N, C-alpha and C. Protein backbone atom coordinates (compact mmCIF):
# COMPACT_ATOMS: atom_id res chain seq x y z
N MET A 1 96.95 46.33 -48.77
CA MET A 1 96.93 47.73 -49.08
C MET A 1 98.34 48.16 -49.46
N GLU A 2 98.55 48.22 -50.71
CA GLU A 2 99.88 48.54 -51.20
C GLU A 2 99.83 49.91 -51.90
N THR A 3 100.52 50.86 -51.32
CA THR A 3 100.58 52.18 -51.92
C THR A 3 102.02 52.55 -52.18
N ASN A 4 102.24 53.20 -53.27
CA ASN A 4 103.58 53.63 -53.60
C ASN A 4 103.78 55.03 -53.01
N LEU A 5 104.65 55.09 -52.00
CA LEU A 5 104.84 56.35 -51.29
C LEU A 5 105.49 57.43 -52.18
N ILE A 6 106.31 57.02 -53.11
CA ILE A 6 106.96 58.00 -53.99
C ILE A 6 105.91 58.68 -54.88
N VAL A 7 104.98 57.89 -55.42
CA VAL A 7 103.94 58.46 -56.26
C VAL A 7 103.05 59.40 -55.44
N GLU A 8 102.71 58.99 -54.23
CA GLU A 8 101.91 59.85 -53.35
C GLU A 8 102.65 61.14 -53.03
N GLY A 9 103.95 61.05 -52.81
CA GLY A 9 104.76 62.24 -52.53
C GLY A 9 104.75 63.20 -53.70
N PHE A 10 104.87 62.66 -54.93
CA PHE A 10 104.82 63.52 -56.11
C PHE A 10 103.45 64.15 -56.29
N LYS A 11 102.40 63.42 -55.93
CA LYS A 11 101.05 63.99 -56.02
C LYS A 11 100.90 65.18 -55.08
N PHE A 12 101.35 65.01 -53.84
CA PHE A 12 101.26 66.11 -52.88
C PHE A 12 102.15 67.29 -53.28
N MET A 13 103.32 66.99 -53.81
CA MET A 13 104.22 68.05 -54.26
C MET A 13 103.57 68.84 -55.40
N ALA A 14 102.99 68.14 -56.37
CA ALA A 14 102.33 68.81 -57.48
C ALA A 14 101.13 69.63 -57.00
N LEU A 15 100.38 69.09 -56.06
CA LEU A 15 99.24 69.82 -55.51
C LEU A 15 99.70 71.09 -54.79
N GLY A 16 100.72 71.00 -53.97
CA GLY A 16 101.23 72.16 -53.23
C GLY A 16 101.83 73.20 -54.15
N MET A 17 102.66 72.75 -55.10
CA MET A 17 103.28 73.70 -56.02
C MET A 17 102.24 74.33 -56.94
N GLY A 18 101.25 73.57 -57.34
CA GLY A 18 100.18 74.12 -58.17
C GLY A 18 99.37 75.17 -57.43
N THR A 19 99.11 74.91 -56.15
CA THR A 19 98.38 75.88 -55.34
C THR A 19 99.15 77.19 -55.21
N VAL A 20 100.43 77.08 -54.91
CA VAL A 20 101.27 78.28 -54.79
C VAL A 20 101.36 79.02 -56.12
N PHE A 21 101.53 78.29 -57.21
CA PHE A 21 101.62 78.90 -58.53
C PHE A 21 100.34 79.65 -58.87
N LEU A 22 99.18 79.04 -58.62
CA LEU A 22 97.91 79.71 -58.89
C LEU A 22 97.71 80.94 -58.01
N PHE A 23 98.13 80.84 -56.76
CA PHE A 23 98.03 82.00 -55.87
C PHE A 23 98.90 83.15 -56.38
N LEU A 24 100.13 82.86 -56.80
CA LEU A 24 101.01 83.92 -57.29
C LEU A 24 100.50 84.54 -58.58
N ILE A 25 99.97 83.73 -59.48
CA ILE A 25 99.40 84.25 -60.72
C ILE A 25 98.21 85.16 -60.40
N THR A 26 97.35 84.73 -59.47
CA THR A 26 96.20 85.54 -59.06
C THR A 26 96.67 86.85 -58.44
N LEU A 27 97.70 86.79 -57.63
CA LEU A 27 98.24 87.98 -56.99
C LEU A 27 98.78 88.97 -58.02
N ILE A 28 99.49 88.50 -59.02
CA ILE A 28 100.03 89.37 -60.06
C ILE A 28 98.91 90.01 -60.86
N VAL A 29 97.90 89.24 -61.22
CA VAL A 29 96.77 89.77 -62.00
C VAL A 29 96.04 90.84 -61.19
N LEU A 30 95.78 90.58 -59.91
CA LEU A 30 95.07 91.56 -59.08
C LEU A 30 95.90 92.82 -58.86
N MET A 31 97.21 92.69 -58.73
CA MET A 31 98.05 93.87 -58.58
C MET A 31 98.07 94.71 -59.85
N ASN A 32 98.07 94.07 -61.02
CA ASN A 32 98.00 94.82 -62.27
C ASN A 32 96.67 95.56 -62.41
N ILE A 33 95.59 94.91 -62.02
CA ILE A 33 94.28 95.56 -62.08
C ILE A 33 94.24 96.75 -61.12
N MET A 34 94.78 96.56 -59.92
CA MET A 34 94.81 97.65 -58.95
C MET A 34 95.65 98.82 -59.45
N SER A 35 96.76 98.52 -60.10
CA SER A 35 97.61 99.57 -60.65
C SER A 35 96.89 100.37 -61.72
N LYS A 36 96.17 99.69 -62.60
CA LYS A 36 95.43 100.39 -63.65
C LYS A 36 94.32 101.25 -63.06
N VAL A 37 93.63 100.76 -62.04
CA VAL A 37 92.57 101.53 -61.41
C VAL A 37 93.15 102.77 -60.73
N LEU A 38 94.26 102.61 -60.02
CA LEU A 38 94.87 103.75 -59.33
C LEU A 38 95.37 104.79 -60.32
N HIS A 39 95.97 104.35 -61.43
CA HIS A 39 96.45 105.31 -62.42
C HIS A 39 95.30 106.01 -63.13
N LYS A 40 94.16 105.37 -63.18
CA LYS A 40 93.00 106.00 -63.81
C LYS A 40 92.46 107.13 -62.93
N PHE A 41 92.33 106.88 -61.62
CA PHE A 41 91.75 107.86 -60.73
C PHE A 41 92.77 108.83 -60.13
N PHE A 42 94.04 108.44 -60.06
CA PHE A 42 95.10 109.29 -59.51
C PHE A 42 96.27 109.33 -60.49
N PRO A 43 96.14 110.10 -61.58
CA PRO A 43 97.22 110.14 -62.57
C PRO A 43 98.47 110.81 -62.01
N GLU A 44 99.61 110.48 -62.59
CA GLU A 44 100.88 111.08 -62.19
C GLU A 44 100.90 112.54 -62.62
N PRO A 45 101.46 113.43 -61.79
CA PRO A 45 101.51 114.84 -62.19
C PRO A 45 102.45 115.02 -63.38
N SER A 46 102.15 116.01 -64.20
CA SER A 46 102.97 116.24 -65.39
C SER A 46 104.32 116.83 -64.99
N ALA A 47 105.27 116.76 -65.91
CA ALA A 47 106.63 117.23 -65.64
C ALA A 47 106.65 118.75 -65.47
N ALA A 48 105.76 119.46 -66.13
CA ALA A 48 105.74 120.92 -66.03
C ALA A 48 105.39 121.38 -64.61
N SER A 49 104.52 120.65 -63.93
CA SER A 49 104.14 121.06 -62.58
C SER A 49 105.18 120.66 -61.54
N LEU A 50 106.16 119.83 -61.91
CA LEU A 50 107.19 119.39 -60.97
C LEU A 50 108.42 120.29 -60.97
N GLU A 51 108.47 121.28 -61.87
CA GLU A 51 109.64 122.15 -61.94
C GLU A 51 109.72 122.99 -60.68
N PRO A 52 110.93 123.09 -60.10
CA PRO A 52 111.06 123.91 -58.89
C PRO A 52 110.93 125.38 -59.24
N GLN A 53 110.29 126.10 -58.37
CA GLN A 53 110.13 127.53 -58.58
C GLN A 53 111.31 128.25 -57.95
N THR A 54 111.94 129.13 -58.69
CA THR A 54 113.11 129.84 -58.18
C THR A 54 112.66 131.02 -57.33
N PRO A 55 113.25 131.16 -56.15
CA PRO A 55 112.87 132.28 -55.29
C PRO A 55 113.45 133.59 -55.84
N ASN A 56 112.88 134.69 -55.41
CA ASN A 56 113.35 136.01 -55.84
C ASN A 56 114.73 136.30 -55.27
N GLN A 57 115.45 137.22 -55.92
CA GLN A 57 116.78 137.59 -55.44
C GLN A 57 116.68 138.24 -54.07
N LYS A 58 115.60 138.99 -53.82
CA LYS A 58 115.40 139.65 -52.54
C LYS A 58 115.29 138.62 -51.42
N ASP A 59 114.59 137.51 -51.69
CA ASP A 59 114.45 136.46 -50.69
C ASP A 59 115.80 135.82 -50.39
N ASN A 60 116.64 135.66 -51.41
CA ASN A 60 117.96 135.09 -51.18
C ASN A 60 118.79 135.97 -50.26
N LYS A 61 118.70 137.28 -50.42
CA LYS A 61 119.46 138.19 -49.56
C LYS A 61 119.00 138.09 -48.11
N LYS A 62 117.70 137.93 -47.91
CA LYS A 62 117.19 137.78 -46.55
C LYS A 62 117.67 136.47 -45.93
N ILE A 63 117.67 135.43 -46.72
CA ILE A 63 118.13 134.12 -46.22
C ILE A 63 119.61 134.17 -45.88
N ILE A 64 120.40 134.77 -46.76
CA ILE A 64 121.85 134.87 -46.51
C ILE A 64 122.11 135.69 -45.25
N ALA A 65 121.37 136.77 -45.06
CA ALA A 65 121.54 137.60 -43.87
C ALA A 65 121.17 136.82 -42.61
N ALA A 66 120.11 136.04 -42.67
CA ALA A 66 119.69 135.26 -41.50
C ALA A 66 120.72 134.18 -41.17
N ILE A 67 121.26 133.51 -42.19
CA ILE A 67 122.27 132.47 -41.95
C ILE A 67 123.53 133.09 -41.39
N SER A 68 123.95 134.22 -41.94
CA SER A 68 125.16 134.90 -41.45
C SER A 68 124.99 135.32 -40.00
N ALA A 69 123.83 135.86 -39.66
CA ALA A 69 123.58 136.27 -38.28
C ALA A 69 123.59 135.06 -37.34
N ALA A 70 123.02 133.96 -37.78
CA ALA A 70 122.99 132.75 -36.94
C ALA A 70 124.40 132.21 -36.71
N ILE A 71 125.22 132.21 -37.75
CA ILE A 71 126.60 131.72 -37.61
C ILE A 71 127.39 132.65 -36.69
N SER A 72 127.21 133.95 -36.87
CA SER A 72 127.91 134.91 -36.02
C SER A 72 127.50 134.74 -34.56
N HIS A 73 126.21 134.59 -34.32
CA HIS A 73 125.72 134.39 -32.95
C HIS A 73 126.26 133.09 -32.34
N HIS A 74 126.33 132.05 -33.16
CA HIS A 74 126.83 130.75 -32.66
C HIS A 74 128.31 130.84 -32.30
N ARG A 75 129.09 131.55 -33.09
CA ARG A 75 130.54 131.66 -32.84
C ARG A 75 130.83 132.52 -31.59
N GLN A 76 129.94 133.47 -31.30
CA GLN A 76 130.18 134.34 -30.15
C GLN A 76 129.92 133.63 -28.84
N GLY A 77 129.11 132.65 -28.85
CA GLY A 77 128.96 132.03 -27.56
C GLY A 77 127.79 131.21 -27.40
């Protein structure tokens, strides 16, 4: 029974590397399919709806007054 261990080693290496390669290719294909399905059912919001809404000037005065009062209260004790 004469077997060449180097040839057997290369066979196992090719089998293992081939298995990993096929798994990674399958993973990439499935992730691309999942991405397309998600983008179909959950599209990205448009840029117009992402614009921040500016608060009124009256609201800014209330916020400034509240911050000033909090700082004053903190400094007093």
